[in-house]
């Protein structure tokens, strides 16, 4: 009989010890607040293809700032006259400014223009349209 009470006591004690950390944890509260403030500088990136033509332009600002030019290996390269002319043409084609968080694709890679050119030059479609 004493062994039964002793076993019951040890099991109950084990349960209390096992449950005590979770009960204590629910009673603790953390009231500190961490505030993180960051500043994102305006940037515009011009991505080039393997032939050195503009593939796309990405930026986080609508301001007209000097772009950073990246080659196919994502290495920073200088703004050449060829790229500057293409950039100004793309800029003029979009009303003289780019919107923030928009990706602008050059006509060489624009899927809609590529599709329109394909339809216009495909003999089957050009016969059906005319």
N, C-alpha and C. Protein backbone atom coordinates (compact mmCIF):
# COMPACT_ATOMS: atom_id res chain seq x y z
N UNK A 1 0.82 -1.18 0.00
CA UNK A 1 0.00 0.00 0.00
C UNK A 1 0.88 1.26 0.00
N UNK A 2 1.94 1.24 0.78
CA UNK A 2 2.84 2.37 0.85
C UNK A 2 3.55 2.59 -0.50
N UNK A 3 3.86 1.51 -1.19
CA UNK A 3 4.51 1.61 -2.49
C UNK A 3 3.59 2.27 -3.51
N UNK A 4 2.29 1.97 -3.41
CA UNK A 4 1.33 2.56 -4.33
C UNK A 4 1.28 4.07 -4.12
N UNK A 5 1.21 4.52 -2.85
CA UNK A 5 1.16 5.95 -2.55
C UNK A 5 2.47 6.63 -2.95
N UNK A 6 3.57 5.94 -2.74
CA UNK A 6 4.86 6.50 -3.12
C UNK A 6 4.97 6.64 -4.64
N UNK A 7 4.50 5.65 -5.38
CA UNK A 7 4.52 5.71 -6.85
C UNK A 7 3.61 6.84 -7.34
N UNK A 8 2.42 6.96 -6.75
CA UNK A 8 1.50 8.03 -7.12
C UNK A 8 2.09 9.41 -6.82
N UNK A 9 2.77 9.53 -5.68
CA UNK A 9 3.41 10.78 -5.31
C UNK A 9 4.53 11.14 -6.30
N UNK A 10 5.35 10.16 -6.67
CA UNK A 10 6.44 10.41 -7.59
C UNK A 10 5.93 10.77 -8.99
N UNK A 11 4.89 10.12 -9.43
CA UNK A 11 4.30 10.45 -10.73
C UNK A 11 3.72 11.86 -10.71
N UNK A 12 3.03 12.21 -9.65
CA UNK A 12 2.45 13.55 -9.53
C UNK A 12 3.56 14.60 -9.47
N UNK A 13 4.61 14.32 -8.70
CA UNK A 13 5.72 15.24 -8.60
C UNK A 13 6.41 15.41 -9.95
N UNK A 14 6.58 14.33 -10.67
CA UNK A 14 7.17 14.41 -12.01
C UNK A 14 6.31 15.25 -12.94
N UNK A 15 4.99 15.09 -12.86
CA UNK A 15 4.09 15.89 -13.69
C UNK A 15 4.16 17.36 -13.34
N UNK A 16 4.26 17.68 -12.07
CA UNK A 16 4.36 19.08 -11.64
C UNK A 16 5.68 19.68 -12.11
N UNK A 17 6.74 18.94 -11.98
CA UNK A 17 8.05 19.43 -12.42
C UNK A 17 8.07 19.61 -13.93
N UNK A 18 7.44 18.68 -14.64
CA UNK A 18 7.40 18.75 -16.10
C UNK A 18 6.54 19.93 -16.56
N UNK A 19 5.45 20.20 -15.91
CA UNK A 19 4.52 21.26 -16.31
C UNK A 19 4.93 22.63 -15.77
N UNK A 20 5.78 22.70 -14.77
CA UNK A 20 6.11 23.97 -14.13
C UNK A 20 6.78 24.96 -15.09
N UNK A 21 7.74 24.58 -15.94
CA UNK A 21 8.35 25.58 -16.82
C UNK A 21 7.34 26.22 -17.78
N UNK A 22 6.43 25.41 -18.32
CA UNK A 22 5.45 25.99 -19.23
C UNK A 22 4.48 26.89 -18.48
N UNK A 23 4.15 26.55 -17.25
CA UNK A 23 3.27 27.41 -16.47
C UNK A 23 3.98 28.71 -16.11
N UNK A 24 5.26 28.63 -15.80
CA UNK A 24 6.00 29.84 -15.50
C UNK A 24 6.18 30.71 -16.74
N UNK A 25 6.38 30.05 -17.88
CA UNK A 25 6.58 30.81 -19.11
C UNK A 25 5.34 31.58 -19.49
N UNK A 26 4.18 31.04 -19.21
CA UNK A 26 2.96 31.76 -19.58
C UNK A 26 2.74 32.97 -18.68
N UNK A 27 3.37 32.98 -17.52
CA UNK A 27 3.20 34.10 -16.61
C UNK A 27 4.18 35.23 -16.91
N UNK A 28 5.26 34.94 -17.64
CA UNK A 28 6.22 35.96 -17.98
C UNK A 28 5.71 36.78 -19.16
N UNK A 29 6.03 38.05 -19.17
CA UNK A 29 5.67 38.89 -20.31
C UNK A 29 6.83 39.81 -20.64
N UNK A 30 7.00 40.04 -21.92
CA UNK A 30 8.06 40.90 -22.39
C UNK A 30 7.40 42.17 -22.91
N UNK A 31 7.86 43.30 -22.44
CA UNK A 31 7.22 44.54 -22.82
C UNK A 31 8.15 45.50 -23.55
N UNK A 32 9.31 45.04 -23.99
CA UNK A 32 10.22 45.94 -24.70
C UNK A 32 9.88 45.91 -26.20
N UNK A 33 10.07 47.03 -26.86
CA UNK A 33 9.78 47.16 -28.28
C UNK A 33 11.05 47.60 -29.00
N UNK A 34 11.31 46.96 -30.12
CA UNK A 34 12.47 47.31 -30.93
C UNK A 34 11.95 48.01 -32.18
N UNK A 35 12.49 49.20 -32.45
CA UNK A 35 12.11 49.96 -33.64
C UNK A 35 13.32 50.04 -34.55
N UNK A 36 13.13 49.67 -35.79
CA UNK A 36 14.20 49.69 -36.77
C UNK A 36 13.82 50.66 -37.87
N UNK A 37 14.69 51.60 -38.15
CA UNK A 37 14.44 52.61 -39.17
C UNK A 37 15.55 52.50 -40.21
N UNK A 38 15.17 52.45 -41.47
CA UNK A 38 16.14 52.37 -42.55
C UNK A 38 15.86 53.40 -43.62
N UNK A 39 16.88 53.75 -44.33
CA UNK A 39 16.75 54.71 -45.42
C UNK A 39 17.20 54.01 -46.70
N UNK A 40 16.35 54.02 -47.71
CA UNK A 40 16.68 53.43 -49.00
C UNK A 40 16.99 54.57 -49.95
N UNK A 41 18.20 54.59 -50.44
CA UNK A 41 18.62 55.64 -51.37
C UNK A 41 18.02 55.38 -52.74
N UNK A 42 17.71 56.43 -53.50
CA UNK A 42 17.17 56.22 -54.85
C UNK A 42 18.20 55.57 -55.75
N UNK A 43 17.75 54.67 -56.57
CA UNK A 43 18.66 53.99 -57.47
C UNK A 43 17.96 53.55 -58.74
N UNK A 44 18.72 53.47 -59.79
CA UNK A 44 18.20 52.98 -61.07
C UNK A 44 19.29 52.11 -61.68
N UNK A 45 18.89 50.95 -62.17
CA UNK A 45 19.85 49.99 -62.71
C UNK A 45 19.49 49.65 -64.14
N UNK A 46 20.49 49.69 -65.01
CA UNK A 46 20.34 49.34 -66.41
C UNK A 46 21.07 48.02 -66.63
N UNK A 47 20.33 47.02 -67.07
CA UNK A 47 20.91 45.70 -67.32
C UNK A 47 21.18 45.55 -68.81
N UNK A 48 22.37 45.12 -69.14
CA UNK A 48 22.78 44.95 -70.54
C UNK A 48 22.76 43.47 -70.92
N UNK A 49 22.58 43.22 -72.22
CA UNK A 49 22.68 41.86 -72.72
C UNK A 49 24.13 41.59 -73.13
N UNK A 50 24.37 40.46 -73.76
CA UNK A 50 25.74 40.09 -74.11
C UNK A 50 26.33 40.97 -75.20
N UNK A 51 25.47 41.60 -76.02
CA UNK A 51 25.99 42.48 -77.08
C UNK A 51 26.14 43.92 -76.62
N UNK A 52 25.83 44.21 -75.37
CA UNK A 52 25.99 45.56 -74.83
C UNK A 52 24.80 46.46 -75.03
N UNK A 53 23.65 45.89 -75.42
CA UNK A 53 22.41 46.67 -75.58
C UNK A 53 21.59 46.58 -74.30
N UNK A 54 20.75 47.59 -74.09
CA UNK A 54 19.90 47.59 -72.89
C UNK A 54 18.85 46.49 -72.99
N UNK A 55 18.79 45.69 -71.95
CA UNK A 55 17.77 44.66 -71.86
C UNK A 55 16.59 45.16 -71.04
N UNK A 56 16.88 45.73 -69.85
CA UNK A 56 15.82 46.26 -69.00
C UNK A 56 16.37 47.33 -68.08
N UNK A 57 15.45 48.15 -67.57
CA UNK A 57 15.79 49.23 -66.63
C UNK A 57 14.87 49.07 -65.43
N UNK A 58 15.47 49.06 -64.23
CA UNK A 58 14.71 48.89 -62.99
C UNK A 58 15.14 50.00 -62.03
N UNK A 59 14.18 50.56 -61.29
CA UNK A 59 14.53 51.59 -60.33
C UNK A 59 13.51 51.70 -59.21
N UNK A 60 13.89 52.39 -58.15
CA UNK A 60 13.00 52.59 -57.01
C UNK A 60 12.59 54.04 -56.84
N UNK A 61 12.80 54.84 -57.89
CA UNK A 61 12.48 56.27 -57.80
C UNK A 61 11.95 56.76 -59.14
N UNK A 62 11.16 57.81 -59.10
CA UNK A 62 10.69 58.43 -60.33
C UNK A 62 11.56 59.63 -60.70
N UNK A 63 12.57 59.91 -59.89
CA UNK A 63 13.50 61.00 -60.19
C UNK A 63 14.41 60.57 -61.35
N UNK A 64 14.82 61.52 -62.15
CA UNK A 64 15.78 61.23 -63.22
C UNK A 64 17.19 61.32 -62.65
N UNK A 65 17.72 60.18 -62.30
CA UNK A 65 19.06 60.10 -61.72
C UNK A 65 19.97 59.32 -62.67
N UNK A 66 21.26 59.44 -62.47
CA UNK A 66 22.21 58.67 -63.29
C UNK A 66 22.10 57.20 -62.94
N UNK A 67 21.92 56.35 -63.95
CA UNK A 67 21.75 54.93 -63.66
C UNK A 67 23.09 54.22 -63.44
N UNK A 68 23.01 53.11 -62.75
CA UNK A 68 24.14 52.19 -62.61
C UNK A 68 23.99 51.13 -63.69
N UNK A 69 25.00 50.92 -64.48
CA UNK A 69 24.94 50.00 -65.61
C UNK A 69 25.59 48.68 -65.20
N UNK A 70 24.87 47.58 -65.43
CA UNK A 70 25.36 46.25 -65.09
C UNK A 70 25.41 45.39 -66.35
N UNK A 71 26.51 44.66 -66.52
CA UNK A 71 26.62 43.78 -67.68
C UNK A 71 25.94 42.44 -67.39
N UNK A 72 26.09 41.49 -68.28
CA UNK A 72 25.41 40.19 -68.17
C UNK A 72 25.84 39.42 -66.91
N UNK A 73 27.06 39.67 -66.43
CA UNK A 73 27.56 39.01 -65.22
C UNK A 73 27.26 39.83 -63.97
N UNK A 74 26.39 40.83 -64.08
CA UNK A 74 25.99 41.73 -62.97
C UNK A 74 27.18 42.47 -62.39
N UNK A 75 28.13 42.83 -63.23
CA UNK A 75 29.27 43.66 -62.82
C UNK A 75 29.01 45.08 -63.30
N UNK A 76 29.37 46.05 -62.47
CA UNK A 76 29.16 47.45 -62.82
C UNK A 76 30.14 47.85 -63.92
N UNK A 77 29.59 48.44 -64.97
CA UNK A 77 30.40 48.94 -66.07
C UNK A 77 30.05 50.42 -66.29
N UNK A 78 30.87 51.10 -67.04
CA UNK A 78 30.65 52.52 -67.30
C UNK A 78 29.49 52.74 -68.27
N UNK A 79 28.94 53.93 -68.24
CA UNK A 79 27.84 54.32 -69.14
C UNK A 79 28.46 54.77 -70.47
N UNK A 80 28.40 53.89 -71.46
CA UNK A 80 28.97 54.21 -72.77
C UNK A 80 28.01 55.10 -73.56
N UNK A 81 28.50 55.67 -74.64
CA UNK A 81 27.65 56.52 -75.49
C UNK A 81 26.50 55.71 -76.09
N UNK A 82 26.77 54.48 -76.49
CA UNK A 82 25.74 53.61 -77.07
C UNK A 82 24.62 53.36 -76.06
N UNK A 83 24.98 53.03 -74.84
CA UNK A 83 23.99 52.75 -73.79
C UNK A 83 23.27 54.04 -73.41
N UNK A 84 23.98 55.16 -73.36
CA UNK A 84 23.35 56.43 -73.02
C UNK A 84 22.30 56.82 -74.06
N UNK A 85 22.59 56.59 -75.35
CA UNK A 85 21.60 56.89 -76.40
C UNK A 85 20.37 56.00 -76.25
N UNK A 86 20.59 54.69 -76.03
CA UNK A 86 19.47 53.77 -75.85
C UNK A 86 18.65 54.14 -74.62
N UNK A 87 19.33 54.55 -73.56
CA UNK A 87 18.65 54.93 -72.33
C UNK A 87 17.79 56.17 -72.55
N UNK A 88 18.32 57.15 -73.26
CA UNK A 88 17.55 58.36 -73.54
C UNK A 88 16.36 58.06 -74.45
N UNK A 89 16.52 57.15 -75.40
CA UNK A 89 15.39 56.76 -76.26
C UNK A 89 14.31 56.06 -75.44
N UNK A 90 14.71 55.17 -74.55
CA UNK A 90 13.75 54.48 -73.69
C UNK A 90 13.07 55.45 -72.75
N UNK A 91 13.82 56.40 -72.24
CA UNK A 91 13.27 57.42 -71.37
C UNK A 91 12.27 58.30 -72.12
N UNK A 92 12.61 58.71 -73.34
CA UNK A 92 11.71 59.53 -74.14
C UNK A 92 10.45 58.76 -74.52
N UNK A 93 10.58 57.47 -74.75
CA UNK A 93 9.42 56.64 -75.10
C UNK A 93 8.46 56.44 -73.93
N UNK A 94 8.88 56.78 -72.73
CA UNK A 94 8.04 56.64 -71.54
C UNK A 94 7.70 57.98 -70.91
N UNK A 95 7.62 59.01 -71.72
CA UNK A 95 7.19 60.31 -71.23
C UNK A 95 8.27 61.11 -70.52
N UNK A 96 9.52 60.75 -70.66
CA UNK A 96 10.60 61.50 -70.06
C UNK A 96 10.95 61.13 -68.63
N UNK A 97 10.24 60.17 -68.06
CA UNK A 97 10.58 59.70 -66.71
C UNK A 97 10.09 58.27 -66.52
N UNK A 98 10.73 57.57 -65.60
CA UNK A 98 10.35 56.21 -65.24
C UNK A 98 9.63 56.23 -63.89
N UNK A 99 8.66 55.39 -63.74
CA UNK A 99 7.96 55.27 -62.46
C UNK A 99 8.78 54.39 -61.52
N UNK A 100 8.62 54.60 -60.24
CA UNK A 100 9.30 53.78 -59.24
C UNK A 100 8.72 52.37 -59.27
N UNK A 101 9.55 51.41 -58.99
CA UNK A 101 9.21 49.98 -58.88
C UNK A 101 8.60 49.40 -60.15
N UNK A 102 8.94 49.95 -61.29
CA UNK A 102 8.51 49.41 -62.58
C UNK A 102 9.73 48.87 -63.31
N UNK A 103 9.53 47.82 -64.09
CA UNK A 103 10.57 47.28 -64.94
C UNK A 103 10.28 47.70 -66.37
N UNK A 104 11.21 48.38 -66.99
CA UNK A 104 11.07 48.82 -68.36
C UNK A 104 11.96 47.96 -69.24
N UNK A 105 11.36 47.33 -70.24
CA UNK A 105 12.07 46.42 -71.13
C UNK A 105 12.26 47.13 -72.46
N UNK A 106 13.45 47.02 -73.02
CA UNK A 106 13.70 47.65 -74.32
C UNK A 106 12.89 46.94 -75.40
N UNK A 107 12.71 47.62 -76.53
CA UNK A 107 11.91 47.06 -77.63
C UNK A 107 12.50 45.75 -78.14
N UNK A 108 13.79 45.61 -78.01
CA UNK A 108 14.47 44.39 -78.49
C UNK A 108 14.01 43.16 -77.71
N UNK A 109 13.59 43.34 -76.44
CA UNK A 109 13.20 42.22 -75.58
C UNK A 109 11.73 42.26 -75.15
N UNK A 110 11.00 43.27 -75.55
CA UNK A 110 9.59 43.40 -75.14
C UNK A 110 8.78 42.29 -75.82
N UNK A 111 8.14 41.42 -75.04
CA UNK A 111 7.42 40.29 -75.65
C UNK A 111 6.25 40.72 -76.53
N UNK A 112 5.61 41.82 -76.23
CA UNK A 112 4.49 42.28 -77.05
C UNK A 112 4.98 42.77 -78.41
N UNK A 113 6.07 43.50 -78.41
CA UNK A 113 6.62 43.98 -79.67
C UNK A 113 7.18 42.82 -80.48
N UNK A 114 7.83 41.86 -79.82
CA UNK A 114 8.34 40.68 -80.52
C UNK A 114 7.21 39.89 -81.15
N UNK A 115 6.10 39.75 -80.43
CA UNK A 115 4.95 39.03 -80.98
C UNK A 115 4.34 39.79 -82.16
N UNK A 116 4.22 41.10 -82.04
CA UNK A 116 3.66 41.90 -83.13
C UNK A 116 4.55 41.81 -84.38
N UNK A 117 5.86 41.84 -84.19
CA UNK A 117 6.77 41.69 -85.32
C UNK A 117 6.65 40.31 -85.95
N UNK A 118 6.49 39.29 -85.11
CA UNK A 118 6.35 37.93 -85.62
C UNK A 118 5.07 37.78 -86.43
N UNK A 119 3.98 38.35 -85.94
CA UNK A 119 2.71 38.28 -86.68
C UNK A 119 2.82 39.04 -87.99
N UNK A 120 3.47 40.22 -87.95
CA UNK A 120 3.57 41.03 -89.16
C UNK A 120 4.47 40.39 -90.22
N UNK A 121 5.48 39.65 -89.80
CA UNK A 121 6.40 39.04 -90.75
C UNK A 121 6.03 37.61 -91.10
N UNK A 122 5.12 37.00 -90.39
CA UNK A 122 4.71 35.63 -90.68
C UNK A 122 3.79 35.64 -91.90
N UNK A 123 4.12 34.90 -92.96
CA UNK A 123 3.31 34.94 -94.17
C UNK A 123 1.86 34.48 -93.94
N UNK A 124 1.68 33.51 -93.08
CA UNK A 124 0.32 33.01 -92.84
C UNK A 124 -0.56 34.10 -92.24
N UNK A 125 -0.06 34.77 -91.21
CA UNK A 125 -0.86 35.81 -90.54
C UNK A 125 -0.99 37.07 -91.40
N UNK A 126 0.07 37.44 -92.12
CA UNK A 126 -0.02 38.64 -92.93
C UNK A 126 -1.02 38.46 -94.07
N UNK A 127 -1.19 37.26 -94.60
CA UNK A 127 -2.20 37.00 -95.63
C UNK A 127 -3.60 37.06 -95.04
N UNK A 128 -3.76 36.58 -93.82
CA UNK A 128 -5.08 36.57 -93.17
C UNK A 128 -5.50 37.99 -92.76
N UNK A 129 -4.54 38.81 -92.37
CA UNK A 129 -4.86 40.16 -91.93
C UNK A 129 -5.23 41.02 -93.13
N UNK A 130 -4.49 40.86 -94.22
CA UNK A 130 -4.73 41.68 -95.41
C UNK A 130 -5.88 41.10 -96.15
